[in-house]
Amino acid sequence: MVAIALLSKSDQEYLQKCATQLHFAYGIIIGQKAEPGKYVIVHLAKNGDEDVDLPMPTDDSGLGHGPHKVEQIDMQALTNQMISAFKMIPGSFDVLGVFVTSVNAEIINEHSAEFKSAKRLLFDVHNLLKQGSASITLKEEPNTEYLYLAYSSSTKTAVCKMYNYVSNGGTFSPMDYRFVEKPFEWFTFECNYEMDDVFPVVASDEKINIEMQFHNTIEWVRDYLQASEIFIQNETVEDGQLLETYVKRKRASAKSTACTDDCFKASIFLPIKCLISKCVNPIQVREFNGTIHFQGTITSRIWCNPKNTLADVKRFLREDIMRSLTARIQVYCDGLTDPNVSNESIFISEPPRRVYFSISSGNRPIQFSEYIFRGEAPTVAVAQAKQILDLDITVDSIVADWEGLAEDDAFNEDTANSLDTSKQKVIKHSERVAASQELTRAMYMLGIAVALLVLVVSVVVQFILK
């Protein structure tokens, strides 16, 4: 069976607009693999190198000064957009591939040089994404399949292909597409994941690389989540059951009014973590140079297709939590002036919190997210939504109250002292004792000096009176 990509009529209008205003544009495809061979597209985002709201200056041929064909696409800019967008989309969606749109009908000719260039482009983009997996990235290994959609505004038709990466260059396989007028149906799942975990700092050097230590913690959290059990509406569910079947049964039983608006609550329960560790490695008592303590709540919202199974729902929730945690850590590490710190250092930091914004309309619109630090205005999220996702949103549309700010007393001196190691506590105690002794000595000398001054004054006054 040939795979198919389902797009909305608004997607076709968007492709037509980009081609008409820019003559040539490219960007990313965001969506979900709803079932084998079926891809539902939820958003198309033009690359931010050009601005669709401003007329492009043209040369003698009438074309803008940006790229005019596939071989001129900025590969690095496209890769950066894919990585940035991946941080902003929920765990139920993925960056599925790349689209190009042009006024030229040659763009949809499968035997043209444009398609050969597209194959090289996707090959190079995959290699760039793979190179980035050595640091803190959002995926351990990039996908090897990418959707490629080419649209011509002159003919108002498109060609869709599935690119399959192989080491010698990759191939295109046939794929259908369809622009659908009826809105897609989605069910929303929400979850709060409480974190209060302490991880060892595994390093023998005096200088510790924070990014590398965070990378280790991500792997541990991933293991915890894989060993967890997820309940939907406080009930155990069969993984193989289709979501549409589950929803029909819930509505028929009418036991939960929460199902009427297609929003469901999920809960994550972790087994005892030492048992998890025992399954992988025997429990050992070891000395470490320090610890990393995560404390707080990660909010999660995902949107699922009726053809998803409940196993897919659980997988999406775990993926969304991991994606959110990794995105926060990456944003935090990007702001560090020096990732290497002394093993005697103590850091109490507040990572950015998650804020949401809608990309569609309706009672339960699909929402993407961004991360802002304490004190940052929501305008940061507005700017990122425009640059990465080509979305025009307002500050008022940002939902910023789902994750609260940390309490101010979490950053005071008492909290810092409670995190000291025994060695650091001894050093601080010695410093306090030394300071107290120095103060006592100074007060003693001041008292002697005052007494001598009084004695001298008394002698002088006695001499004058005689």
Protein backbone atom coordinates (compact mmCIF):
# COMPACT_ATOMS: atom_id res chain seq x y z
CA MET A 1 0.00 0.00 0.00
CA VAL A 2 1.30 3.44 -0.95
CA ALA A 3 1.72 5.84 1.98
CA ILE A 4 -0.37 9.01 2.05
CA ALA A 5 0.00 12.47 3.58
CA LEU A 6 -3.18 14.28 4.65
CA LEU A 7 -3.08 18.08 4.62
CA SER A 8 -5.77 20.67 5.25
CA LYS A 9 -7.08 23.21 2.77
CA SER A 10 -5.37 25.93 4.81
CA ASP A 11 -2.04 24.19 4.10
CA GLN A 12 -2.68 24.51 0.38
CA GLU A 13 -3.50 28.20 0.81
CA TYR A 14 -0.28 28.65 2.79
CA LEU A 15 1.83 27.00 0.06
CA GLN A 16 0.12 29.14 -2.59
CA LYS A 17 0.77 32.31 -0.58
CA CYS A 18 4.45 31.56 0.00
CA ALA A 19 5.05 30.80 -3.67
CA THR A 20 3.14 33.84 -4.89
CA GLN A 21 4.86 36.32 -2.59
CA LEU A 22 8.38 34.89 -2.62
CA HIS A 23 8.46 33.00 -5.97
CA PHE A 24 10.31 30.24 -4.10
CA ALA A 25 10.17 29.17 -0.45
CA TYR A 26 11.06 26.19 1.67
CA GLY A 27 10.39 24.99 5.20
CA ILE A 28 9.50 22.09 7.47
CA ILE A 29 6.53 19.73 7.76
CA ILE A 30 5.17 18.99 11.25
CA GLY A 31 2.69 16.20 11.86
CA GLN A 32 2.04 12.72 13.14
CA LYS A 33 2.25 9.20 11.77
CA ALA A 34 -1.32 8.35 12.70
CA GLU A 35 -1.17 4.74 11.53
CA PRO A 36 1.07 2.67 9.24
CA GLY A 37 1.36 4.46 5.92
CA LYS A 38 -0.76 7.46 6.97
CA TYR A 39 0.69 10.84 7.93
CA VAL A 40 -1.44 13.70 9.24
CA ILE A 41 0.10 17.14 8.72
CA VAL A 42 -0.75 19.75 11.37
CA HIS A 43 1.56 22.62 10.45
CA LEU A 44 3.81 23.91 7.68
CA ALA A 45 6.47 26.45 8.66
CA LYS A 46 8.42 28.46 6.10
CA ASN A 47 12.07 28.99 6.93
CA GLY A 48 12.60 32.31 8.67
CA ASP A 49 15.32 33.58 6.35
CA GLU A 50 12.64 35.40 4.35
CA ASP A 51 9.67 37.42 5.55
CA VAL A 52 6.36 36.74 3.78
CA ASP A 53 4.93 40.02 5.06
CA LEU A 54 7.47 42.14 3.17
CA PRO A 55 7.79 42.30 -0.61
CA MET A 56 11.08 40.76 -1.71
CA PRO A 57 13.41 42.92 -3.82
CA THR A 58 13.75 41.40 -7.27
CA ASP A 59 16.41 41.23 -9.92
CA ASP A 60 15.98 41.64 -13.67
CA SER A 61 14.33 38.23 -13.96
CA GLY A 62 11.65 39.22 -11.45
CA LEU A 63 12.87 36.76 -8.84
CA GLY A 64 13.76 37.61 -5.26
CA HIS A 65 17.34 37.61 -4.03
CA GLY A 66 16.71 34.50 -1.88
CA PRO A 67 17.02 30.94 -3.19
CA HIS A 68 15.40 30.32 -6.58
CA LYS A 69 15.77 26.54 -6.68
CA VAL A 70 16.31 23.58 -4.39
CA GLU A 71 20.09 23.46 -4.82
CA GLN A 72 20.33 27.00 -3.39
CA ILE A 73 18.55 26.15 -0.13
CA ASP A 74 20.57 26.96 2.99
CA MET A 75 21.11 23.49 4.43
CA GLN A 76 22.34 24.77 7.81
CA ALA A 77 19.38 27.11 8.20
CA LEU A 78 16.97 24.29 7.42
CA THR A 79 18.65 21.96 9.94
CA ASN A 80 18.62 24.63 12.65
CA GLN A 81 14.92 25.20 12.03
CA MET A 82 14.18 21.48 12.38
CA ILE A 83 16.09 21.27 15.69
CA SER A 84 14.46 24.42 17.10
CA ALA A 85 10.97 23.37 16.04
CA PHE A 86 11.44 19.94 17.62
CA LYS A 87 11.84 21.63 21.02
CA MET A 88 8.55 23.48 20.58
CA ILE A 89 6.19 20.73 19.42
CA PRO A 90 4.43 18.23 21.74
CA GLY A 91 5.60 14.64 22.00
CA SER A 92 2.78 13.34 19.80
CA PHE A 93 4.11 15.25 16.77
CA ASP A 94 7.39 15.22 14.91
CA VAL A 95 9.24 17.13 12.20
CA LEU A 96 8.31 14.81 9.36
CA GLY A 97 10.17 16.40 6.49
CA VAL A 98 10.65 19.32 4.13
CA PHE A 99 8.46 21.23 1.68
CA VAL A 100 9.32 23.53 -1.21
CA THR A 101 6.91 25.77 -3.06
CA SER A 102 7.49 27.74 -6.24
CA VAL A 103 5.76 29.58 -9.08
CA ASN A 104 7.71 27.34 -11.43
CA ALA A 105 6.04 24.10 -12.56
CA GLU A 106 9.47 22.47 -12.85
CA ILE A 107 9.44 22.02 -9.08
CA ILE A 108 6.95 19.14 -9.34
CA ASN A 109 8.67 17.37 -12.24
CA GLU A 110 9.98 14.12 -10.75
CA HIS A 111 12.59 13.77 -13.50
CA SER A 112 13.96 17.30 -13.15
CA ALA A 113 17.19 18.48 -11.57
CA GLU A 114 15.09 19.83 -8.70
CA PHE A 115 14.32 16.33 -7.45
CA LYS A 116 17.97 15.30 -7.69
CA SER A 117 18.89 18.35 -5.65
CA ALA A 118 16.17 17.51 -3.13
CA LYS A 119 17.64 14.05 -2.64
CA ARG A 120 21.09 15.51 -1.96
CA LEU A 121 19.58 18.11 0.39
CA LEU A 122 17.80 15.54 2.55
CA PHE A 123 20.92 13.36 2.63
CA ASP A 124 23.05 16.27 3.89
CA VAL A 125 20.41 17.41 6.39
CA HIS A 126 20.23 13.93 7.89
CA ASN A 127 24.02 13.83 8.28
CA LEU A 128 23.98 17.22 10.01
CA LEU A 129 21.29 16.06 12.43
CA LYS A 130 23.27 12.91 13.11
CA GLN A 131 26.43 14.88 13.90
CA GLY A 132 24.57 16.85 16.54
CA SER A 133 23.53 13.71 18.43
CA ALA A 134 26.87 13.61 20.30
CA SER A 135 25.88 16.56 22.50
CA ILE A 136 22.63 17.17 24.38
CA THR A 137 20.08 16.74 21.61
CA LEU A 138 16.42 15.92 21.59
CA LYS A 139 16.75 12.58 19.84
CA GLU A 140 19.33 9.86 20.23
CA GLU A 141 19.21 9.08 16.53
CA PRO A 142 17.49 11.07 13.74
CA ASN A 143 14.81 9.44 11.63
CA THR A 144 15.83 7.82 8.38
CA GLU A 145 12.55 8.63 6.58
CA TYR A 146 11.52 12.14 5.54
CA LEU A 147 8.50 13.47 3.69
CA TYR A 148 9.30 15.67 0.71
CA LEU A 149 6.47 17.86 -0.60
CA ALA A 150 6.88 20.03 -3.71
CA TYR A 151 4.10 22.46 -4.67
CA SER A 152 3.68 24.59 -7.78
CA SER A 153 1.45 27.66 -7.50
CA SER A 154 1.12 27.95 -11.28
CA THR A 155 -0.54 24.52 -11.58
CA LYS A 156 -1.87 24.39 -7.98
CA THR A 157 -0.71 20.80 -7.74
CA ALA A 158 1.86 19.02 -5.61
CA VAL A 159 4.08 15.97 -5.60
CA CYS A 160 4.81 14.08 -2.39
CA LYS A 161 7.59 11.52 -1.90
CA MET A 162 9.05 9.52 0.96
CA TYR A 163 12.82 9.88 1.21
CA ASN A 164 14.60 6.83 2.66
CA TYR A 165 18.12 7.54 3.90
CA VAL A 166 20.92 5.12 3.11
CA SER A 167 24.64 5.66 3.40
CA ASN A 168 25.19 6.03 -0.34
CA GLY A 169 22.62 8.78 -0.90
CA GLY A 170 19.07 7.61 -0.25
CA THR A 171 16.08 7.02 -2.48
CA PHE A 172 12.60 8.39 -3.12
CA SER A 173 9.58 6.08 -2.88
CA PRO A 174 6.04 6.83 -4.16
CA MET A 175 3.62 8.62 -1.86
CA ASP A 176 0.16 10.14 -2.26
CA TYR A 177 -1.18 13.35 -0.78
CA ARG A 178 -4.62 14.83 -0.23
CA PHE A 179 -5.89 18.25 0.83
CA VAL A 180 -8.80 17.62 3.21
CA GLU A 181 -11.51 20.18 3.94
CA LYS A 182 -12.90 18.52 7.07
CA PRO A 183 -10.89 19.36 10.23
CA PHE A 184 -8.89 16.52 11.70
CA GLU A 185 -10.14 14.97 14.94
CA TRP A 186 -7.83 15.04 17.95
CA PHE A 187 -8.07 13.92 21.56
CA THR A 188 -6.11 15.80 24.21
CA PHE A 189 -4.19 14.18 27.06
CA GLU A 190 -2.76 16.14 29.97
CA CYS A 191 -0.31 15.08 32.64
CA ASN A 192 1.84 16.57 35.41
CA TYR A 193 5.13 14.80 36.05
CA GLU A 194 6.56 15.49 39.51
CA MET A 195 10.34 15.41 39.77
CA ASP A 196 12.36 15.16 42.99
CA ASP A 197 15.41 13.18 41.93
CA VAL A 198 19.08 13.24 42.94
CA PHE A 199 21.68 12.03 40.44
CA PRO A 200 25.40 11.47 41.08
CA VAL A 201 28.07 13.54 39.37
CA VAL A 202 30.33 10.96 37.78
CA ALA A 203 33.61 12.79 37.19
CA SER A 204 37.15 12.43 38.50
CA ASP A 205 38.57 15.75 37.31
CA GLU A 206 38.65 18.93 39.35
CA LYS A 207 36.68 20.64 36.61
CA ILE A 208 33.26 19.14 35.83
CA ASN A 209 31.47 19.59 32.51
CA ILE A 210 27.87 20.48 33.39
CA GLU A 211 26.47 19.63 29.94
CA MET A 212 27.93 16.13 30.05
CA GLN A 213 26.51 15.56 33.55
CA PHE A 214 23.08 16.71 32.41
CA HIS A 215 23.32 14.29 29.49
CA ASN A 216 23.80 11.45 32.00
CA THR A 217 20.75 12.54 34.00
CA ILE A 218 18.63 12.52 30.86
CA GLU A 219 19.47 8.87 30.31
CA TRP A 220 18.51 8.02 33.90
CA VAL A 221 15.19 9.86 33.64
CA ARG A 222 14.50 8.04 30.37
CA ASP A 223 15.05 4.70 32.15
CA TYR A 224 12.70 5.75 34.97
CA LEU A 225 9.96 6.70 32.53
CA GLN A 226 10.32 3.50 30.53
CA ALA A 227 9.82 1.52 33.75
CA SER A 228 6.82 3.62 34.81
CA GLU A 229 3.13 2.78 34.55
CA ILE A 230 0.69 5.30 33.04
CA PHE A 231 -2.96 5.40 34.04
CA ILE A 232 -5.64 7.14 31.95
CA GLN A 233 -8.49 8.66 33.94
CA ASN A 234 -7.06 6.79 36.98
CA GLU A 235 -7.60 3.44 35.25
CA THR A 236 -5.35 0.82 33.72
CA VAL A 237 -5.90 0.48 29.97
CA GLU A 238 -5.06 -2.10 27.34
CA ASP A 239 -2.14 -0.94 25.22
CA GLY A 240 -3.47 -2.51 22.02
CA GLN A 241 -6.87 -0.82 22.17
CA LEU A 242 -7.59 1.88 19.58
CA LEU A 243 -8.17 5.32 20.99
CA GLU A 244 -11.47 5.75 19.13
CA THR A 245 -12.75 2.51 20.69
CA TYR A 246 -11.68 3.65 24.14
CA VAL A 247 -13.38 7.04 23.72
CA LYS A 248 -16.64 5.47 22.49
CA ARG A 249 -16.69 3.15 25.48
CA LYS A 250 -16.05 6.01 27.90
CA ARG A 251 -18.76 8.14 26.35
CA ALA A 252 -21.23 5.27 26.37
CA SER A 253 -20.62 4.51 30.02
CA ALA A 254 -20.90 8.24 30.88
CA LYS A 255 -18.88 7.63 34.01
CA SER A 256 -16.64 10.64 33.49
CA THR A 257 -17.82 14.07 32.38
CA ALA A 258 -14.21 14.90 31.58
CA CYS A 259 -14.53 12.88 28.39
CA THR A 260 -17.18 15.13 26.88
CA ASP A 261 -14.63 17.69 25.70
CA ASP A 262 -12.17 15.05 24.47
CA CYS A 263 -9.64 15.88 27.17
CA PHE A 264 -8.26 13.10 29.34
CA LYS A 265 -6.06 13.11 32.43
CA ALA A 266 -3.05 10.83 32.64
CA SER A 267 -1.03 9.89 35.72
CA ILE A 268 2.49 8.49 35.82
CA PHE A 269 3.52 6.14 38.62
CA LEU A 270 7.13 5.17 39.12
CA PRO A 271 8.23 1.98 40.82
CA ILE A 272 10.89 2.18 43.55
CA LYS A 273 13.91 3.55 41.74
CA CYS A 274 16.42 1.28 43.43
CA LEU A 275 14.53 -1.65 41.90
CA ILE A 276 14.91 -0.05 38.49
CA SER A 277 18.65 0.29 39.03
CA LYS A 278 18.85 -3.32 40.21
CA CYS A 279 17.35 -4.49 36.94
CA VAL A 280 20.19 -2.82 35.02
CA ASN A 281 23.15 -2.89 37.40
CA PRO A 282 23.63 -4.28 40.91
CA ILE A 283 23.15 -1.69 43.64
CA GLN A 284 26.50 -0.34 44.82
CA VAL A 285 27.63 2.11 47.48
CA ARG A 286 30.02 4.57 45.86
CA GLU A 287 31.54 7.99 46.49
CA PHE A 288 30.82 10.82 44.08
CA ASN A 289 32.17 14.32 43.63
CA GLY A 290 28.73 15.85 43.81
CA THR A 291 25.07 15.51 42.92
CA ILE A 292 22.48 17.06 40.62
CA HIS A 293 19.06 17.57 42.18
CA PHE A 294 15.97 18.05 39.99
CA GLN A 295 12.89 19.31 41.77
CA GLY A 296 9.66 20.59 40.24
CA THR A 297 6.81 19.74 37.89
CA ILE A 298 6.84 19.19 34.13
CA THR A 299 3.50 19.77 32.44
CA SER A 300 2.62 17.68 29.43
CA ARG A 301 -0.05 18.08 26.75
CA ILE A 302 -0.33 15.84 23.71
CA TRP A 303 -2.84 15.48 20.86
CA CYS A 304 -3.68 12.02 19.55
CA ASN A 305 -5.43 10.73 16.45
CA PRO A 306 -8.42 8.35 16.84
CA LYS A 307 -6.39 5.65 15.06
CA ASN A 308 -3.61 5.81 17.66
CA THR A 309 -3.49 2.99 20.17
CA LEU A 310 -3.33 3.57 23.92
CA ALA A 311 0.27 2.30 23.75
CA ASP A 312 0.92 5.24 21.38
CA VAL A 313 -0.64 7.61 23.92
CA LYS A 314 1.70 6.38 26.66
CA ARG A 315 4.68 6.60 24.34
CA PHE A 316 3.76 10.15 23.33
CA LEU A 317 3.46 11.23 26.98
CA ARG A 318 6.87 9.82 27.86
CA GLU A 319 8.36 11.42 24.74
CA ASP A 320 6.81 14.80 25.55
CA ILE A 321 8.22 14.79 29.10
CA MET A 322 11.68 13.83 27.86
CA ARG A 323 11.51 16.40 25.08
CA SER A 324 10.47 19.13 27.53
CA LEU A 325 13.17 18.25 30.07
CA THR A 326 15.89 18.08 27.42
CA ALA A 327 14.79 21.38 25.86
CA ARG A 328 15.01 23.15 29.24
CA ILE A 329 18.46 21.73 29.90
CA GLN A 330 19.66 22.74 26.44
CA VAL A 331 18.31 26.28 26.82
CA TYR A 332 19.96 26.51 30.25
CA CYS A 333 23.31 25.19 28.98
CA ASP A 334 23.25 27.56 26.00
CA GLY A 335 23.28 30.45 28.48
CA LEU A 336 26.34 29.23 30.39
CA THR A 337 29.50 31.27 29.88
CA ASP A 338 31.63 28.29 30.89
CA PRO A 339 30.24 24.72 31.04
CA ASN A 340 33.17 23.60 33.21
CA VAL A 341 32.90 24.25 36.96
CA SER A 342 34.85 23.26 40.06
CA ASN A 343 33.66 20.19 41.94
CA GLU A 344 33.47 22.39 45.07
CA SER A 345 30.90 24.72 43.45
CA ILE A 346 27.23 24.89 44.38
CA PHE A 347 24.64 26.07 41.85
CA ILE A 348 20.99 26.71 42.62
CA SER A 349 19.33 27.51 39.31
CA GLU A 350 15.82 27.87 37.97
CA PRO A 351 15.50 26.45 34.45
CA PRO A 352 13.00 28.05 32.05
CA ARG A 353 9.34 27.18 32.42
CA ARG A 354 7.02 25.99 29.68
CA VAL A 355 4.44 28.28 28.11
CA TYR A 356 1.87 27.30 25.48
CA PHE A 357 0.33 28.93 22.40
CA SER A 358 -2.30 27.69 19.95
CA ILE A 359 -1.69 26.95 16.27
CA SER A 360 -5.35 26.17 15.47
CA SER A 361 -8.82 27.24 16.54
CA GLY A 362 -11.63 25.40 18.30
CA ASN A 363 -12.53 24.29 21.82
CA ARG A 364 -9.37 22.20 22.20
CA PRO A 365 -6.86 23.73 19.77
CA ILE A 366 -3.49 22.13 19.15
CA GLN A 367 -0.81 23.93 21.13
CA PHE A 368 2.94 24.19 20.75
CA SER A 369 5.23 25.49 23.48
CA GLU A 370 8.28 27.60 24.22
CA TYR A 371 10.48 28.12 27.29
CA ILE A 372 11.09 31.41 29.10
CA PHE A 373 13.18 32.22 32.17
CA ARG A 374 12.01 34.06 35.26
CA GLY A 375 11.80 37.74 34.40
CA GLU A 376 11.59 37.18 30.66
CA ALA A 377 8.55 38.61 28.92
CA PRO A 378 6.26 36.36 26.83
CA THR A 379 7.39 38.42 23.83
CA VAL A 380 10.32 35.99 23.64
CA ALA A 381 7.89 33.18 22.84
CA VAL A 382 6.10 35.42 20.31
CA ALA A 383 9.37 36.11 18.50
CA GLN A 384 10.37 32.43 18.47
CA ALA A 385 6.96 31.37 17.15
CA LYS A 386 7.38 33.80 14.27
CA GLN A 387 10.98 32.98 13.44
CA ILE A 388 10.84 29.17 13.76
CA LEU A 389 7.20 28.31 13.06
CA ASP A 390 6.08 31.32 10.97
CA LEU A 391 3.19 31.92 13.38
CA ASP A 392 1.74 35.34 14.09
CA ILE A 393 0.59 35.24 17.72
CA THR A 394 0.07 37.90 20.35
CA VAL A 395 1.34 38.14 23.92
CA ASP A 396 -2.25 37.77 25.17
CA SER A 397 -2.52 34.37 23.48
CA ILE A 398 0.41 32.92 25.49
CA VAL A 399 -0.76 30.50 28.21
CA ALA A 400 1.89 31.08 30.88
CA ASP A 401 0.18 29.89 34.07
CA TRP A 402 0.34 26.12 33.61
CA GLU A 403 3.77 25.96 35.22
CA GLY A 404 4.31 28.18 38.25
CA LEU A 405 7.47 29.97 39.28
CA ALA A 406 9.65 28.45 41.96
CA GLU A 407 9.27 29.84 45.48
CA ASP A 408 11.68 32.67 46.25
CA ASP A 409 12.93 30.93 49.39
CA ALA A 410 14.27 28.14 47.18
CA PHE A 411 17.16 30.45 46.30
CA ASN A 412 18.05 31.82 49.76
CA GLU A 413 21.19 31.19 51.81
CA ASP A 414 19.58 28.56 54.03
CA THR A 415 18.80 26.44 50.99
CA ALA A 416 22.37 26.79 49.75
CA ASN A 417 23.74 25.77 53.14
CA SER A 418 21.53 22.68 53.24
CA LEU A 419 23.14 21.48 49.99
CA ASP A 420 26.70 21.74 51.28
CA THR A 421 28.81 18.62 51.52
CA SER A 422 30.26 17.67 54.90
CA LYS A 423 33.66 19.00 53.83
CA GLN A 424 32.14 22.31 52.78
CA LYS A 425 30.22 22.55 56.05
CA VAL A 426 33.45 22.06 58.04
CA ILE A 427 35.19 24.75 56.00
CA LYS A 428 32.31 27.20 56.45
CA HIS A 429 32.15 26.45 60.18
CA SER A 430 35.88 27.11 60.51
CA GLU A 431 35.50 30.37 58.63
CA ARG A 432 32.65 31.45 60.92
CA VAL A 433 34.68 30.57 64.05
CA ALA A 434 37.72 32.43 62.72
CA ALA A 435 35.58 35.46 61.91
CA SER A 436 34.02 35.37 65.39
CA GLN A 437 37.44 35.17 67.03
CA GLU A 438 38.72 38.06 64.91
CA LEU A 439 35.70 40.16 65.92
CA THR A 440 36.26 39.35 69.64
CA ARG A 441 39.94 40.31 69.38
CA ALA A 442 39.07 43.56 67.66
CA MET A 443 36.50 44.44 70.36
CA TYR A 444 39.06 43.66 73.08
CA MET A 445 41.68 45.95 71.54
CA LEU A 446 39.08 48.68 71.08
CA GLY A 447 38.20 48.46 74.78
CA ILE A 448 41.85 48.83 75.80
CA ALA A 449 42.26 51.81 73.48
CA VAL A 450 39.18 53.55 74.94
CA ALA A 451 40.42 52.92 78.51
CA LEU A 452 43.83 54.40 77.70
CA LEU A 453 42.16 57.41 76.09
CA VAL A 454 40.04 57.99 79.21
CA LEU A 455 43.18 57.68 81.39
CA VAL A 456 45.09 60.22 79.34
CA VAL A 457 42.18 62.67 79.40
CA SER A 458 41.88 62.29 83.17
CA VAL A 459 45.59 63.04 83.69
CA VAL A 460 45.38 66.10 81.47
CA VAL A 461 42.31 67.46 83.24
CA GLN A 462 43.93 66.83 86.68
CA PHE A 463 47.07 68.69 85.59
CA ILE A 464 45.04 71.69 84.35
CA LEU A 465 43.00 71.95 87.55
CA LYS A 466 46.20 72.08 89.67
